[in-house]
């Protein structure tokens, strides 16, 4: 990729990183509060579980964004981590933190759906 493109993606990734980081600062919904009403307690528990899942998702996204920023610094951004082919710019514009091309990502997603860990099938090394 041209240096101008990398600069643009770096800016996009930094902005997204800041956006996700700001959104994860409010952790008030995971506070455990004692309440006498059973329905209130169940609702709080449900809200807490949803908030924890959202924090987990945000944490994974932050790691992926940081990994993409590291790949820019290492001058390997835009290269699939499995097949080492270029990731199409259209995909990177849609998902700037993408580590894999569409074909390799589909294999990973399919494997996760069927209970495997990322990278275990079709010769993927973790």
C-alpha atoms as a PDB file:
ATOM      1  CA  UNK A   1       0.000   0.000   0.000  1.00  0.00           C
ATOM      2  CA  UNK A   2       1.070   3.535  -0.615  1.00  0.00           C
ATOM      3  CA  UNK A   3       2.248   5.531   2.395  1.00  0.00           C
ATOM      4  CA  UNK A   4      -0.716   7.940   1.990  1.00  0.00           C
ATOM      5  CA  UNK A   5      -3.137   5.020   2.301  1.00  0.00           C
ATOM      6  CA  UNK A   6      -1.400   3.777   5.452  1.00  0.00           C
ATOM      7  CA  UNK A   7      -1.630   7.243   6.965  1.00  0.00           C
ATOM      8  CA  UNK A   8      -5.354   7.328   6.241  1.00  0.00           C
ATOM      9  CA  UNK A   9      -5.906   3.887   7.772  1.00  0.00           C
ATOM     10  CA  UNK A  10      -3.766   4.805  10.791  1.00  0.00           C
ATOM     11  CA  UNK A  11      -5.998   7.854  11.359  1.00  0.00           C
ATOM     12  CA  UNK A  12      -9.168   5.757  10.978  1.00  0.00           C
ATOM     13  CA  UNK A  13      -7.876   3.122  13.380  1.00  0.00           C
ATOM     14  CA  UNK A  14      -6.780   5.669  15.993  1.00  0.00           C
ATOM     15  CA  UNK A  15     -10.202   7.365  15.839  1.00  0.00           C
ATOM     16  CA  UNK A  16     -12.018   4.029  16.206  1.00  0.00           C
ATOM     17  CA  UNK A  17      -9.718   3.062  19.083  1.00  0.00           C
ATOM     18  CA  UNK A  18     -10.578   6.273  20.906  1.00  0.00           C
ATOM     19  CA  UNK A  19     -14.299   5.832  20.181  1.00  0.00           C
ATOM     20  CA  UNK A  20     -14.379   2.282  21.567  1.00  0.00           C
ATOM     21  CA  UNK A  21     -12.233   3.239  24.551  1.00  0.00           C
ATOM     22  CA  UNK A  22     -14.576   6.104  25.420  1.00  0.00           C
ATOM     23  CA  UNK A  23     -17.618   3.849  25.146  1.00  0.00           C
ATOM     24  CA  UNK A  24     -16.145   1.319  27.579  1.00  0.00           C
ATOM     25  CA  UNK A  25     -15.511   3.849  30.342  1.00  0.00           C
ATOM     26  CA  UNK A  26     -19.081   3.633  31.685  1.00  0.00           C
ATOM     27  CA  UNK A  27     -19.210   0.440  33.703  1.00  0.00           C
ATOM     28  CA  UNK A  28     -22.102   1.429  35.969  1.00  0.00           C
ATOM     29  CA  UNK A  29     -24.314  -1.379  34.692  1.00  0.00           C
ATOM     30  CA  UNK A  30     -22.037  -4.082  36.078  1.00  0.00           C
ATOM     31  CA  UNK A  31     -22.326  -2.826  39.659  1.00  0.00           C
ATOM     32  CA  UNK A  32     -24.116  -5.318  41.879  1.00  0.00           C
ATOM     33  CA  UNK A  33     -26.925  -3.708  43.840  1.00  0.00           C
ATOM     34  CA  UNK A  34     -29.012  -5.472  46.446  1.00  0.00           C
ATOM     35  CA  UNK A  35     -32.733  -5.150  45.978  1.00  0.00           C
ATOM     36  CA  UNK A  36     -35.646  -6.822  47.719  1.00  0.00           C
ATOM     37  CA  UNK A  37     -37.764  -7.203  44.602  1.00  0.00           C
ATOM     38  CA  UNK A  38     -37.053 -10.423  42.704  1.00  0.00           C
ATOM     39  CA  UNK A  39     -37.990  -8.891  39.319  1.00  0.00           C
ATOM     40  CA  UNK A  40     -35.635  -5.945  39.876  1.00  0.00           C
ATOM     41  CA  UNK A  41     -32.829  -8.333  40.837  1.00  0.00           C
ATOM     42  CA  UNK A  42     -33.398 -10.427  37.696  1.00  0.00           C
ATOM     43  CA  UNK A  43     -33.477  -7.318  35.505  1.00  0.00           C
ATOM     44  CA  UNK A  44     -30.233  -6.050  37.053  1.00  0.00           C
ATOM     45  CA  UNK A  45     -28.628  -9.443  36.502  1.00  0.00           C
ATOM     46  CA  UNK A  46     -29.682  -9.434  32.848  1.00  0.00           C
ATOM     47  CA  UNK A  47     -28.420  -5.864  32.373  1.00  0.00           C
ATOM     48  CA  UNK A  48     -25.118  -6.813  34.030  1.00  0.00           C
ATOM     49  CA  UNK A  49     -24.661  -9.835  31.741  1.00  0.00           C
ATOM     50  CA  UNK A  50     -25.353  -7.742  28.642  1.00  0.00           C
ATOM     51  CA  UNK A  51     -22.932  -5.059  29.849  1.00  0.00           C
ATOM     52  CA  UNK A  52     -20.221  -7.643  30.506  1.00  0.00           C
ATOM     53  CA  UNK A  53     -20.681  -9.150  27.016  1.00  0.00           C
ATOM     54  CA  UNK A  54     -20.436  -5.655  25.517  1.00  0.00           C
ATOM     55  CA  UNK A  55     -17.238  -4.972  27.476  1.00  0.00           C
ATOM     56  CA  UNK A  56     -15.808  -8.274  26.297  1.00  0.00           C
ATOM     57  CA  UNK A  57     -16.665  -7.450  22.677  1.00  0.00           C
ATOM     58  CA  UNK A  58     -15.162  -3.968  23.041  1.00  0.00           C
ATOM     59  CA  UNK A  59     -12.023  -5.421  24.591  1.00  0.00           C
ATOM     60  CA  UNK A  60     -11.564  -7.809  21.657  1.00  0.00           C
ATOM     61  CA  UNK A  61     -12.154  -4.964  19.199  1.00  0.00           C
ATOM     62  CA  UNK A  62      -9.551  -2.803  20.963  1.00  0.00           C
ATOM     63  CA  UNK A  63      -7.038  -5.662  20.716  1.00  0.00           C
ATOM     64  CA  UNK A  64      -7.785  -6.079  16.997  1.00  0.00           C
ATOM     65  CA  UNK A  65      -7.429  -2.355  16.383  1.00  0.00           C
ATOM     66  CA  UNK A  66      -4.125  -2.245  18.282  1.00  0.00           C
ATOM     67  CA  UNK A  67      -2.889  -5.257  16.310  1.00  0.00           C
ATOM     68  CA  UNK A  68      -3.755  -3.441  13.062  1.00  0.00           C
ATOM     69  CA  UNK A  69      -1.861  -0.351  14.238  1.00  0.00           C
ATOM     70  CA  UNK A  70       1.106  -2.586  15.059  1.00  0.00           C
ATOM     71  CA  UNK A  71       0.935  -4.115  11.559  1.00  0.00           C
ATOM     72  CA  UNK A  72       1.078  -0.615  10.086  1.00  0.00           C
ATOM     73  CA  UNK A  73       4.227   0.068  12.111  1.00  0.00           C
ATOM     74  CA  UNK A  74       5.685  -3.284  11.027  1.00  0.00           C
ATOM     75  CA  UNK A  75       4.840  -2.464   7.403  1.00  0.00           C
ATOM     76  CA  UNK A  76       2.678  -5.579   6.960  1.00  0.00           C
ATOM     77  CA  UNK A  77      -0.753  -3.924   7.181  1.00  0.00           C
ATOM     78  CA  UNK A  78      -3.149  -5.101   4.491  1.00  0.00           C
ATOM     79  CA  UNK A  79      -1.574  -8.546   4.132  1.00  0.00           C
ATOM     80  CA  UNK A  80      -3.609 -11.604   5.169  1.00  0.00           C
ATOM     81  CA  UNK A  81      -2.012 -13.262   8.197  1.00  0.00           C
ATOM     82  CA  UNK A  82      -2.789 -16.701   6.806  1.00  0.00           C
ATOM     83  CA  UNK A  83      -2.372 -16.773   3.038  1.00  0.00           C
ATOM     84  CA  UNK A  84      -0.143 -13.662   2.914  1.00  0.00           C
ATOM     85  CA  UNK A  85      -2.099 -12.270  -0.027  1.00  0.00           C
ATOM     86  CA  UNK A  86      -3.129  -8.596  -0.057  1.00  0.00           C
ATOM     87  CA  UNK A  87      -6.419  -7.852   1.669  1.00  0.00           C
ATOM     88  CA  UNK A  88      -8.585  -5.880  -0.781  1.00  0.00           C
ATOM     89  CA  UNK A  89      -8.776  -2.168  -0.010  1.00  0.00           C
ATOM     90  CA  UNK A  90     -12.581  -2.387  -0.102  1.00  0.00           C
ATOM     91  CA  UNK A  91     -12.474  -4.830   2.845  1.00  0.00           C
ATOM     92  CA  UNK A  92     -10.010  -2.671   4.744  1.00  0.00           C
ATOM     93  CA  UNK A  93     -12.258   0.361   4.282  1.00  0.00           C
ATOM     94  CA  UNK A  94     -15.171  -1.625   5.704  1.00  0.00           C
ATOM     95  CA  UNK A  95     -13.150  -3.281   8.495  1.00  0.00           C
ATOM     96  CA  UNK A  96      -9.836  -1.410   8.918  1.00  0.00           C
ATOM     97  CA  UNK A  97      -8.665  -3.848  11.610  1.00  0.00           C
ATOM     98  CA  UNK A  98      -9.131  -6.914   9.371  1.00  0.00           C
ATOM     99  CA  UNK A  99      -6.312  -9.434   9.744  1.00  0.00           C
ATOM    100  CA  UNK A 100      -7.468 -11.864   7.082  1.00  0.00           C
ATOM    101  CA  UNK A 101      -8.771 -11.741   3.543  1.00  0.00           C
ATOM    102  CA  UNK A 102     -12.447 -12.637   3.076  1.00  0.00           C
ATOM    103  CA  UNK A 103     -11.758 -16.270   2.095  1.00  0.00           C
ATOM    104  CA  UNK A 104      -9.548 -16.959   5.123  1.00  0.00           C
ATOM    105  CA  UNK A 105     -11.913 -15.105   7.462  1.00  0.00           C
ATOM    106  CA  UNK A 106     -14.819 -17.255   6.230  1.00  0.00           C
ATOM    107  CA  UNK A 107     -12.846 -20.389   7.106  1.00  0.00           C
ATOM    108  CA  UNK A 108     -12.142 -19.031  10.593  1.00  0.00           C
ATOM    109  CA  UNK A 109     -15.780 -18.022  11.114  1.00  0.00           C
ATOM    110  CA  UNK A 110     -17.066 -21.381   9.916  1.00  0.00           C
ATOM    111  CA  UNK A 111     -14.664 -23.181  12.245  1.00  0.00           C
ATOM    112  CA  UNK A 112     -15.795 -21.083  15.219  1.00  0.00           C
ATOM    113  CA  UNK A 113     -19.447 -21.831  14.457  1.00  0.00           C
ATOM    114  CA  UNK A 114     -18.718 -25.554  14.542  1.00  0.00           C
ATOM    115  CA  UNK A 115     -16.883 -25.339  17.850  1.00  0.00           C
ATOM    116  CA  UNK A 116     -13.245 -25.151  16.885  1.00  0.00           C
ATOM    117  CA  UNK A 117     -10.738 -22.539  17.929  1.00  0.00           C
ATOM    118  CA  UNK A 118      -9.514 -19.884  15.546  1.00  0.00           C
ATOM    119  CA  UNK A 119      -6.942 -21.271  13.212  1.00  0.00           C
ATOM    120  CA  UNK A 120      -7.354 -24.988  13.902  1.00  0.00           C
ATOM    121  CA  UNK A 121      -8.772 -26.042  10.538  1.00  0.00           C
ATOM    122  CA  UNK A 122      -7.362 -26.313   7.050  1.00  0.00           C
ATOM    123  CA  UNK A 123      -3.792 -25.820   8.112  1.00  0.00           C
ATOM    124  CA  UNK A 124      -4.272 -22.575  10.025  1.00  0.00           C
ATOM    125  CA  UNK A 125      -1.593 -22.040  12.591  1.00  0.00           C
ATOM    126  CA  UNK A 126      -2.771 -20.212  15.697  1.00  0.00           C
END
